[in-house]
């Protein structure tokens, strides 16, 4: 079974879908509900998953499936009467029990949101360090190119100066008479 360590509660409309599913499975007189039964009871498809059963599979912290994986029950409702056969009825949860499950779903959502926001700030800081490093490297490359270009200009000037000296006649100071 998949553990709840991802960001599934941060999927758009996920928390609302989970709360709707908890309420239907908590107060309904039927223990296990099929996809059709859930769709009939909720009069809608989930907004955050392909089906109600797929949504329940993603959240084993609240839901349990029958042996055939064709219908779902609230885990709390299942555990309260373990000795009852799947076909036998289990009593619905009280309003307080249902509210505790909803509060737990909200708490899990809030924890995932806080973790996501914390991790997002780490990503921003890492990106800032990478950008600063890239800027420093680009500056060093520009500096090295400038030095190289400057050395090339100096070499060219030395060659031009030599050529000018070769072209100009030299005055011989020894031939000048006073």
N, C-alpha and C. Protein backbone atom coordinates (compact mmCIF):
# COMPACT_ATOMS: atom_id res chain seq x y z
N UNK A 1 0.82 -1.18 0.00
CA UNK A 1 0.00 0.00 0.00
C UNK A 1 0.87 1.24 0.00
N UNK A 2 0.45 2.23 -0.76
CA UNK A 2 1.22 3.46 -0.89
C UNK A 2 1.09 4.32 0.36
N UNK A 3 2.21 4.83 0.85
CA UNK A 3 2.17 5.72 2.01
C UNK A 3 1.98 7.15 1.54
N UNK A 4 1.43 7.97 2.39
CA UNK A 4 1.10 9.35 2.03
C UNK A 4 2.31 10.25 2.26
N UNK A 5 3.29 10.21 1.36
CA UNK A 5 4.48 11.03 1.51
C UNK A 5 4.65 11.98 0.33
N UNK A 6 3.72 11.94 -0.60
CA UNK A 6 3.82 12.82 -1.76
C UNK A 6 2.99 14.09 -1.51
N UNK A 7 2.71 14.81 -2.56
CA UNK A 7 1.93 16.04 -2.44
C UNK A 7 0.52 15.86 -2.98
N UNK A 8 -0.07 14.69 -2.78
CA UNK A 8 -1.38 14.42 -3.37
C UNK A 8 -2.47 15.34 -2.84
N UNK A 9 -2.34 15.84 -1.64
CA UNK A 9 -3.35 16.76 -1.10
C UNK A 9 -3.28 18.13 -1.76
N UNK A 10 -2.19 18.41 -2.46
CA UNK A 10 -2.05 19.71 -3.10
C UNK A 10 -2.63 19.72 -4.52
N UNK A 11 -3.08 18.57 -5.00
CA UNK A 11 -3.76 18.51 -6.29
C UNK A 11 -5.03 19.36 -6.20
N UNK A 12 -5.32 20.10 -7.24
CA UNK A 12 -6.50 20.98 -7.24
C UNK A 12 -7.76 20.18 -6.90
N UNK A 13 -8.55 20.69 -6.00
CA UNK A 13 -9.84 20.13 -5.56
C UNK A 13 -9.70 18.81 -4.79
N UNK A 14 -8.50 18.39 -4.46
CA UNK A 14 -8.31 17.11 -3.78
C UNK A 14 -8.95 17.10 -2.40
N UNK A 15 -8.69 18.12 -1.60
CA UNK A 15 -9.22 18.15 -0.25
C UNK A 15 -10.75 18.11 -0.27
N UNK A 16 -11.36 18.87 -1.14
CA UNK A 16 -12.83 18.87 -1.24
C UNK A 16 -13.36 17.50 -1.63
N UNK A 17 -12.69 16.84 -2.57
CA UNK A 17 -13.13 15.50 -2.97
C UNK A 17 -13.00 14.50 -1.82
N UNK A 18 -11.91 14.58 -1.08
CA UNK A 18 -11.71 13.66 0.05
C UNK A 18 -12.78 13.89 1.12
N UNK A 19 -13.07 15.13 1.41
CA UNK A 19 -14.09 15.43 2.41
C UNK A 19 -15.45 14.90 1.96
N UNK A 20 -15.78 15.09 0.69
CA UNK A 20 -17.05 14.57 0.18
C UNK A 20 -17.11 13.04 0.32
N UNK A 21 -16.02 12.38 -0.03
CA UNK A 21 -15.99 10.92 0.05
C UNK A 21 -16.08 10.44 1.50
N UNK A 22 -15.39 11.12 2.40
CA UNK A 22 -15.46 10.77 3.82
C UNK A 22 -16.90 10.88 4.32
N UNK A 23 -17.56 11.98 4.01
CA UNK A 23 -18.92 12.20 4.50
C UNK A 23 -19.87 11.10 4.00
N UNK A 24 -19.81 10.80 2.71
CA UNK A 24 -20.71 9.78 2.16
C UNK A 24 -20.45 8.42 2.81
N UNK A 25 -19.20 8.05 2.94
CA UNK A 25 -18.88 6.74 3.50
C UNK A 25 -19.08 6.68 5.02
N UNK A 26 -19.08 7.83 5.68
CA UNK A 26 -19.25 7.84 7.13
C UNK A 26 -20.71 7.69 7.54
N UNK A 27 -21.61 8.33 6.82
CA UNK A 27 -23.01 8.38 7.27
C UNK A 27 -23.92 7.42 6.50
N UNK A 28 -23.45 6.88 5.40
CA UNK A 28 -24.28 5.99 4.61
C UNK A 28 -24.52 4.69 5.34
N UNK A 29 -25.71 4.14 5.19
CA UNK A 29 -26.02 2.88 5.88
C UNK A 29 -25.29 1.69 5.25
N UNK A 30 -24.87 1.83 4.01
CA UNK A 30 -24.13 0.76 3.33
C UNK A 30 -22.67 0.83 3.73
N UNK A 31 -22.07 -0.33 3.99
CA UNK A 31 -20.66 -0.38 4.37
C UNK A 31 -19.74 -0.01 3.22
N UNK A 32 -19.72 -0.89 2.24
CA UNK A 32 -18.84 -0.74 1.09
C UNK A 32 -19.63 -0.12 -0.05
N UNK A 33 -18.98 0.80 -0.76
CA UNK A 33 -19.64 1.44 -1.91
C UNK A 33 -18.82 1.20 -3.16
N UNK A 34 -19.51 0.89 -4.25
CA UNK A 34 -18.86 0.73 -5.55
C UNK A 34 -18.74 2.11 -6.20
N UNK A 35 -18.05 2.14 -7.33
CA UNK A 35 -17.93 3.40 -8.07
C UNK A 35 -19.31 3.94 -8.43
N UNK A 36 -20.17 3.06 -8.92
CA UNK A 36 -21.52 3.49 -9.31
C UNK A 36 -22.30 4.01 -8.10
N UNK A 37 -22.18 3.28 -6.99
CA UNK A 37 -22.87 3.71 -5.77
C UNK A 37 -22.38 5.07 -5.29
N UNK A 38 -21.09 5.31 -5.37
CA UNK A 38 -20.53 6.61 -4.97
C UNK A 38 -20.99 7.70 -5.93
N UNK A 39 -20.97 7.40 -7.22
CA UNK A 39 -21.40 8.39 -8.20
C UNK A 39 -22.87 8.73 -8.00
N UNK A 40 -23.70 7.72 -7.73
CA UNK A 40 -25.13 7.96 -7.49
C UNK A 40 -25.33 8.81 -6.23
N UNK A 41 -24.57 8.52 -5.18
CA UNK A 41 -24.73 9.25 -3.92
C UNK A 41 -24.22 10.68 -4.04
N UNK A 42 -23.13 10.87 -4.75
CA UNK A 42 -22.52 12.20 -4.84
C UNK A 42 -23.00 12.99 -6.06
N UNK A 43 -23.66 12.32 -6.98
CA UNK A 43 -24.21 12.97 -8.18
C UNK A 43 -23.16 13.70 -9.00
N UNK A 44 -21.92 13.19 -8.95
CA UNK A 44 -20.83 13.90 -9.64
C UNK A 44 -19.60 13.00 -9.64
N UNK A 45 -18.69 13.32 -10.53
CA UNK A 45 -17.37 12.67 -10.52
C UNK A 45 -16.42 13.52 -9.69
N UNK A 46 -15.35 12.93 -9.18
CA UNK A 46 -14.37 13.75 -8.44
C UNK A 46 -13.67 14.71 -9.40
N UNK A 47 -13.28 15.85 -8.87
CA UNK A 47 -12.58 16.86 -9.68
C UNK A 47 -11.07 16.62 -9.73
N UNK A 48 -10.56 15.84 -8.78
CA UNK A 48 -9.10 15.67 -8.66
C UNK A 48 -8.61 14.28 -9.03
N UNK A 49 -9.49 13.43 -9.54
CA UNK A 49 -9.09 12.07 -9.88
C UNK A 49 -10.02 11.55 -10.96
N UNK A 50 -9.62 10.43 -11.55
CA UNK A 50 -10.43 9.85 -12.62
C UNK A 50 -11.72 9.24 -12.11
N UNK A 51 -11.70 8.72 -10.88
CA UNK A 51 -12.89 8.08 -10.32
C UNK A 51 -12.81 8.17 -8.80
N UNK A 52 -13.94 7.87 -8.14
CA UNK A 52 -13.97 7.88 -6.68
C UNK A 52 -13.10 6.76 -6.12
N UNK A 53 -13.11 5.61 -6.77
CA UNK A 53 -12.27 4.50 -6.29
C UNK A 53 -10.79 4.81 -6.47
N UNK A 54 -10.44 5.47 -7.58
CA UNK A 54 -9.03 5.86 -7.79
C UNK A 54 -8.60 6.86 -6.72
N UNK A 55 -9.47 7.77 -6.38
CA UNK A 55 -9.19 8.74 -5.32
C UNK A 55 -8.96 8.02 -3.99
N UNK A 56 -9.83 7.07 -3.68
CA UNK A 56 -9.70 6.31 -2.43
C UNK A 56 -8.39 5.51 -2.40
N UNK A 57 -7.99 4.95 -3.54
CA UNK A 57 -6.73 4.18 -3.59
C UNK A 57 -5.53 5.07 -3.29
N UNK A 58 -5.61 6.33 -3.64
CA UNK A 58 -4.50 7.26 -3.40
C UNK A 58 -4.42 7.70 -1.94
N UNK A 59 -5.44 7.35 -1.15
CA UNK A 59 -5.47 7.79 0.24
C UNK A 59 -5.81 6.64 1.19
N UNK A 60 -4.87 5.69 1.33
CA UNK A 60 -5.10 4.55 2.22
C UNK A 60 -5.16 4.96 3.69
N UNK A 61 -4.80 6.19 3.99
CA UNK A 61 -4.91 6.66 5.38
C UNK A 61 -6.38 6.79 5.81
N UNK A 62 -7.32 6.83 4.85
CA UNK A 62 -8.74 6.96 5.17
C UNK A 62 -9.60 5.81 4.66
N UNK A 63 -9.18 5.16 3.59
CA UNK A 63 -10.07 4.23 2.89
C UNK A 63 -9.47 2.84 2.78
N UNK A 64 -10.36 1.85 2.78
CA UNK A 64 -9.96 0.45 2.63
C UNK A 64 -10.87 -0.19 1.60
N UNK A 65 -10.31 -1.11 0.82
CA UNK A 65 -11.06 -1.78 -0.23
C UNK A 65 -11.47 -3.18 0.20
N UNK A 66 -12.51 -3.70 -0.47
CA UNK A 66 -12.90 -5.08 -0.23
C UNK A 66 -11.87 -6.01 -0.89
N UNK A 67 -12.04 -7.29 -0.75
CA UNK A 67 -11.05 -8.26 -1.26
C UNK A 67 -10.91 -8.18 -2.78
N UNK A 68 -11.98 -7.85 -3.46
CA UNK A 68 -11.95 -7.80 -4.93
C UNK A 68 -11.50 -6.43 -5.45
N UNK A 69 -11.28 -5.47 -4.57
CA UNK A 69 -10.92 -4.10 -4.96
C UNK A 69 -12.00 -3.44 -5.82
N UNK A 70 -13.25 -3.76 -5.57
CA UNK A 70 -14.34 -3.19 -6.37
C UNK A 70 -15.19 -2.21 -5.58
N UNK A 71 -14.99 -2.18 -4.26
CA UNK A 71 -15.75 -1.23 -3.45
C UNK A 71 -14.90 -0.78 -2.26
N UNK A 72 -15.30 0.34 -1.67
CA UNK A 72 -14.48 0.99 -0.66
C UNK A 72 -15.32 1.25 0.60
N UNK A 73 -14.62 1.32 1.74
CA UNK A 73 -15.22 1.64 3.04
C UNK A 73 -14.24 2.57 3.76
N UNK A 74 -14.74 3.36 4.66
CA UNK A 74 -13.83 4.15 5.50
C UNK A 74 -13.03 3.21 6.39
N UNK A 75 -11.75 3.43 6.48
CA UNK A 75 -10.89 2.59 7.30
C UNK A 75 -11.37 2.57 8.75
N UNK A 76 -11.74 3.71 9.27
CA UNK A 76 -12.21 3.80 10.65
C UNK A 76 -13.47 2.95 10.86
N UNK A 77 -14.36 2.99 9.92
CA UNK A 77 -15.60 2.23 10.01
C UNK A 77 -15.31 0.72 9.93
N UNK A 78 -14.34 0.37 9.12
CA UNK A 78 -13.95 -1.04 8.99
C UNK A 78 -13.32 -1.55 10.29
N UNK A 79 -12.42 -0.77 10.86
CA UNK A 79 -11.69 -1.19 12.05
C UNK A 79 -12.59 -1.27 13.27
N UNK A 80 -13.60 -0.43 13.35
CA UNK A 80 -14.48 -0.43 14.51
C UNK A 80 -15.23 -1.76 14.68
N UNK A 81 -15.48 -2.44 13.58
CA UNK A 81 -16.19 -3.73 13.64
C UNK A 81 -15.48 -4.72 12.74
N UNK A 82 -14.29 -5.13 13.13
CA UNK A 82 -13.48 -6.05 12.32
C UNK A 82 -14.11 -7.42 12.18
N UNK A 83 -14.78 -7.87 13.20
CA UNK A 83 -15.30 -9.23 13.21
C UNK A 83 -16.54 -9.39 12.32
N UNK A 84 -17.04 -8.30 11.76
CA UNK A 84 -18.22 -8.34 10.90
C UNK A 84 -17.80 -8.71 9.48
N UNK A 85 -18.57 -9.55 8.83
CA UNK A 85 -18.30 -9.92 7.43
C UNK A 85 -18.55 -8.71 6.52
N UNK A 86 -17.93 -8.73 5.34
CA UNK A 86 -18.08 -7.60 4.41
C UNK A 86 -19.54 -7.32 4.07
N UNK A 87 -20.34 -8.34 3.97
CA UNK A 87 -21.74 -8.16 3.57
C UNK A 87 -22.61 -7.67 4.72
N UNK A 88 -22.16 -7.84 5.96
CA UNK A 88 -22.93 -7.38 7.12
C UNK A 88 -22.75 -5.87 7.29
N UNK A 89 -23.78 -5.25 7.83
CA UNK A 89 -23.74 -3.80 8.00
C UNK A 89 -22.95 -3.40 9.24
N UNK A 90 -22.23 -2.32 9.10
CA UNK A 90 -21.52 -1.71 10.21
C UNK A 90 -22.26 -0.40 10.51
N UNK A 91 -22.28 0.01 11.75
CA UNK A 91 -23.01 1.25 12.05
C UNK A 91 -22.29 2.46 11.45
N UNK A 92 -23.05 3.47 11.00
CA UNK A 92 -22.43 4.70 10.49
C UNK A 92 -21.63 5.38 11.60
N UNK A 93 -20.71 6.21 11.21
CA UNK A 93 -19.92 6.96 12.19
C UNK A 93 -20.77 8.09 12.76
N UNK A 94 -20.42 8.50 13.95
CA UNK A 94 -21.10 9.65 14.56
C UNK A 94 -20.61 10.93 13.87
N UNK A 95 -21.31 12.00 14.14
CA UNK A 95 -20.91 13.30 13.59
C UNK A 95 -19.52 13.68 14.10
N UNK A 96 -19.26 13.42 15.38
CA UNK A 96 -17.94 13.72 15.96
C UNK A 96 -16.83 12.91 15.29
N UNK A 97 -17.08 11.63 15.07
CA UNK A 97 -16.07 10.79 14.42
C UNK A 97 -15.83 11.26 12.99
N UNK A 98 -16.90 11.60 12.30
CA UNK A 98 -16.77 12.10 10.93
C UNK A 98 -15.99 13.41 10.92
N UNK A 99 -16.28 14.29 11.85
CA UNK A 99 -15.58 15.58 11.92
C UNK A 99 -14.10 15.37 12.20
N UNK A 100 -13.77 14.40 13.03
CA UNK A 100 -12.35 14.12 13.31
C UNK A 100 -11.62 13.67 12.04
N UNK A 101 -12.27 12.86 11.22
CA UNK A 101 -11.65 12.44 9.96
C UNK A 101 -11.46 13.63 9.02
N UNK A 102 -12.45 14.50 8.96
CA UNK A 102 -12.35 15.68 8.11
C UNK A 102 -11.23 16.59 8.62
N UNK A 103 -11.16 16.77 9.94
CA UNK A 103 -10.08 17.58 10.52
C UNK A 103 -8.71 16.99 10.20
N UNK A 104 -8.62 15.66 10.23
CA UNK A 104 -7.35 15.00 9.90
C UNK A 104 -6.98 15.24 8.44
N UNK A 105 -7.95 15.18 7.55
CA UNK A 105 -7.69 15.44 6.13
C UNK A 105 -7.20 16.88 5.94
N UNK A 106 -7.81 17.81 6.64
CA UNK A 106 -7.40 19.22 6.55
C UNK A 106 -5.98 19.38 7.10
N UNK A 107 -5.69 18.71 8.21
CA UNK A 107 -4.34 18.79 8.80
C UNK A 107 -3.29 18.22 7.85
N UNK A 108 -3.59 17.10 7.21
CA UNK A 108 -2.65 16.52 6.24
C UNK A 108 -2.42 17.47 5.07
N UNK A 109 -3.49 18.09 4.61
CA UNK A 109 -3.37 19.09 3.52
C UNK A 109 -2.47 20.24 3.96
N UNK A 110 -2.72 20.77 5.15
CA UNK A 110 -1.93 21.90 5.65
C UNK A 110 -0.46 21.55 5.80
N UNK A 111 -0.18 20.33 6.27
CA UNK A 111 1.22 19.90 6.41
C UNK A 111 1.91 19.79 5.06
N UNK A 112 1.20 19.23 4.08
CA UNK A 112 1.80 19.13 2.75
C UNK A 112 2.02 20.51 2.14
N UNK A 113 1.09 21.42 2.36
CA UNK A 113 1.24 22.78 1.85
C UNK A 113 2.43 23.46 2.49
N UNK A 114 2.57 23.33 3.80
CA UNK A 114 3.71 23.94 4.51
C UNK A 114 5.02 23.36 4.00
N UNK A 115 5.08 22.03 3.81
CA UNK A 115 6.29 21.40 3.29
C UNK A 115 6.60 21.89 1.88
N UNK A 116 5.57 22.00 1.06
CA UNK A 116 5.75 22.49 -0.32
C UNK A 116 6.30 23.92 -0.31
N UNK A 117 5.74 24.77 0.54
CA UNK A 117 6.20 26.16 0.61
C UNK A 117 7.63 26.24 1.13
N UNK A 118 7.96 25.41 2.11
CA UNK A 118 9.33 25.37 2.64
C UNK A 118 10.30 24.92 1.56
N UNK A 119 9.93 23.86 0.84
CA UNK A 119 10.78 23.34 -0.22
C UNK A 119 10.90 24.33 -1.37
N UNK A 120 9.84 25.08 -1.64
CA UNK A 120 9.87 26.07 -2.71
C UNK A 120 10.87 27.18 -2.39
N UNK A 121 10.94 27.57 -1.12
CA UNK A 121 11.90 28.61 -0.76
C UNK A 121 13.33 28.09 -0.89
N UNK A 122 13.55 26.81 -0.59
CA UNK A 122 14.87 26.22 -0.79
C UNK A 122 15.25 26.24 -2.27
N UNK A 123 14.28 25.97 -3.11
CA UNK A 123 14.53 25.98 -4.55
C UNK A 123 14.91 27.38 -5.01
N UNK A 124 14.23 28.38 -4.50
CA UNK A 124 14.53 29.77 -4.89
C UNK A 124 15.94 30.17 -4.44
N UNK A 125 16.31 29.78 -3.24
CA UNK A 125 17.65 30.10 -2.74
C UNK A 125 18.71 29.39 -3.57
N UNK A 126 18.48 28.13 -3.89
CA UNK A 126 19.42 27.38 -4.73
C UNK A 126 19.55 28.03 -6.10
N UNK A 127 18.44 28.46 -6.67
CA UNK A 127 18.48 29.13 -7.97
C UNK A 127 19.27 30.44 -7.88
N UNK A 128 19.14 31.16 -6.78
CA UNK A 128 19.89 32.41 -6.61
C UNK A 128 21.39 32.13 -6.55
N UNK A 129 21.78 31.07 -5.83
CA UNK A 129 23.20 30.70 -5.76
C UNK A 129 23.73 30.30 -7.14
N UNK A 130 22.96 29.54 -7.87
CA UNK A 130 23.38 29.13 -9.21
C UNK A 130 23.54 30.34 -10.11
N UNK A 131 22.58 31.27 -10.04
CA UNK A 131 22.66 32.49 -10.86
C UNK A 131 23.88 33.33 -10.48
N UNK A 132 24.15 33.44 -9.19
CA UNK A 132 25.33 34.21 -8.75
C UNK A 132 26.61 33.55 -9.25
N UNK A 133 26.68 32.23 -9.15
CA UNK A 133 27.86 31.51 -9.65
C UNK A 133 28.04 31.69 -11.14
N UNK A 134 26.94 31.62 -11.89
CA UNK A 134 27.02 31.80 -13.34
C UNK A 134 27.47 33.21 -13.68
N UNK A 135 27.01 34.18 -12.92
CA UNK A 135 27.42 35.58 -13.16
C UNK A 135 28.91 35.75 -12.90
N UNK A 136 29.41 35.16 -11.84
CA UNK A 136 30.84 35.25 -11.53
C UNK A 136 31.66 34.58 -12.62
N UNK A 137 31.25 33.42 -13.06
CA UNK A 137 31.97 32.71 -14.13
C UNK A 137 31.94 33.52 -15.42
N UNK A 138 30.80 34.11 -15.76
CA UNK A 138 30.70 34.93 -16.97
C UNK A 138 31.62 36.14 -16.86
N UNK A 139 31.70 36.74 -15.67
CA UNK A 139 32.60 37.87 -15.46
C UNK A 139 34.06 37.48 -15.64
N UNK A 140 34.44 36.33 -15.11
CA UNK A 140 35.81 35.85 -15.27
C UNK A 140 36.14 35.57 -16.73
N UNK A 141 35.22 34.98 -17.44
CA UNK A 141 35.44 34.72 -18.86
C UNK A 141 35.60 36.02 -19.62
N UNK A 142 34.74 37.01 -19.32
CA UNK A 142 34.86 38.32 -19.99
C UNK A 142 36.21 38.97 -19.68
N UNK A 143 36.66 38.88 -18.45
CA UNK A 143 37.94 39.44 -18.05
C UNK A 143 39.09 38.77 -18.81
N UNK A 144 39.06 37.45 -18.90
CA UNK A 144 40.11 36.72 -19.61
C UNK A 144 40.11 37.06 -21.10
N UNK A 145 38.92 37.22 -21.66
CA UNK A 145 38.84 37.61 -23.07
C UNK A 145 39.42 39.01 -23.27
N UNK A 146 39.11 39.92 -22.34
CA UNK A 146 39.63 41.29 -22.43
C UNK A 146 41.15 41.30 -22.33
N UNK A 147 41.72 40.52 -21.44
CA UNK A 147 43.18 40.44 -21.30
C UNK A 147 43.79 39.89 -22.58
N UNK A 148 43.19 38.84 -23.09
CA UNK A 148 43.70 38.24 -24.32
C UNK A 148 43.65 39.23 -25.47
N UNK A 149 42.53 39.94 -25.59
CA UNK A 149 42.39 40.94 -26.65
C UNK A 149 43.41 42.05 -26.46
N UNK A 150 43.61 42.49 -25.24
CA UNK A 150 44.57 43.56 -24.94
C UNK A 150 45.97 43.11 -25.32
N UNK A 151 46.34 41.87 -25.03
CA UNK A 151 47.66 41.36 -25.39
C UNK A 151 47.82 41.30 -26.91
N UNK A 152 46.76 40.92 -27.62
CA UNK A 152 46.81 40.90 -29.08
C UNK A 152 47.04 42.29 -29.64
N UNK A 153 46.37 43.29 -29.05
CA UNK A 153 46.54 44.69 -29.51
C UNK A 153 47.97 45.15 -29.26
N UNK A 154 48.51 44.82 -28.09
CA UNK A 154 49.89 45.21 -27.78
C UNK A 154 50.85 44.58 -28.79
N UNK A 155 50.63 43.32 -29.11
CA UNK A 155 51.50 42.65 -30.08
C UNK A 155 51.39 43.32 -31.45
N UNK A 156 50.16 43.67 -31.86
CA UNK A 156 49.97 44.34 -33.14
C UNK A 156 50.66 45.70 -33.16
N UNK A 157 50.57 46.44 -32.04
CA UNK A 157 51.22 47.74 -31.96
C UNK A 157 52.73 47.61 -32.03
N UNK A 158 53.27 46.59 -31.42
CA UNK A 158 54.72 46.36 -31.47
C UNK A 158 55.15 46.08 -32.90
N UNK A 159 54.37 45.31 -33.63
CA UNK A 159 54.69 44.99 -35.03
C UNK A 159 54.62 46.25 -35.88
N UNK A 160 53.58 47.05 -35.68
CA UNK A 160 53.43 48.29 -36.45
C UNK A 160 54.58 49.24 -36.15
N UNK A 161 54.93 49.37 -34.89
CA UNK A 161 56.05 50.24 -34.50
C UNK A 161 57.34 49.77 -35.17
N UNK A 162 57.56 48.46 -35.20
CA UNK A 162 58.76 47.92 -35.83
C UNK A 162 58.75 48.23 -37.33
N UNK A 163 57.58 48.05 -37.96
CA UNK A 163 57.49 48.32 -39.40
C UNK A 163 57.72 49.79 -39.70
N UNK A 164 57.21 50.67 -38.86
CA UNK A 164 57.42 52.11 -39.05
C UNK A 164 58.91 52.43 -38.91
N UNK A 165 59.54 51.84 -37.94
CA UNK A 165 60.97 52.07 -37.75
C UNK A 165 61.77 51.59 -38.95
N UNK A 166 61.34 50.54 -39.58
CA UNK A 166 62.03 50.01 -40.74
C UNK A 166 61.85 50.92 -41.95
N UNK A 167 60.72 51.58 -42.03
CA UNK A 167 60.43 52.43 -43.18
C UNK A 167 61.08 53.81 -43.09
N UNK A 168 61.27 54.32 -41.93
CA UNK A 168 61.83 55.67 -41.78
C UNK A 168 63.35 55.60 -41.85
N UNK A 169 63.93 56.58 -42.59
CA UNK A 169 65.39 56.59 -42.67
C UNK A 169 65.99 56.98 -41.32
N UNK A 170 67.07 56.34 -41.03
CA UNK A 170 67.72 56.62 -39.75
C UNK A 170 68.72 57.72 -39.96
N UNK A 171 68.76 58.63 -39.07
CA UNK A 171 69.76 59.70 -39.12
C UNK A 171 70.99 59.20 -38.40
N UNK A 172 72.04 59.30 -39.10
CA UNK A 172 73.29 58.86 -38.50
C UNK A 172 73.95 60.06 -37.87
N UNK A 173 74.08 60.08 -36.60
CA UNK A 173 74.64 61.22 -35.88
C UNK A 173 76.14 61.39 -36.16
N UNK A 174 76.80 60.41 -36.64
CA UNK A 174 78.23 60.53 -36.87
C UNK A 174 78.53 61.31 -38.15
N UNK A 175 77.60 61.36 -39.08
CA UNK A 175 77.85 62.06 -40.33
C UNK A 175 77.50 63.53 -40.26
N UNK A 176 76.90 63.93 -39.22
CA UNK A 176 76.51 65.34 -39.10
C UNK A 176 77.77 66.11 -38.71
N UNK A 177 78.02 67.18 -39.46
CA UNK A 177 79.22 67.98 -39.21
C UNK A 177 78.81 69.24 -38.51
N UNK A 178 79.69 69.65 -37.71
CA UNK A 178 79.42 70.86 -36.95
C UNK A 178 80.16 71.99 -37.50
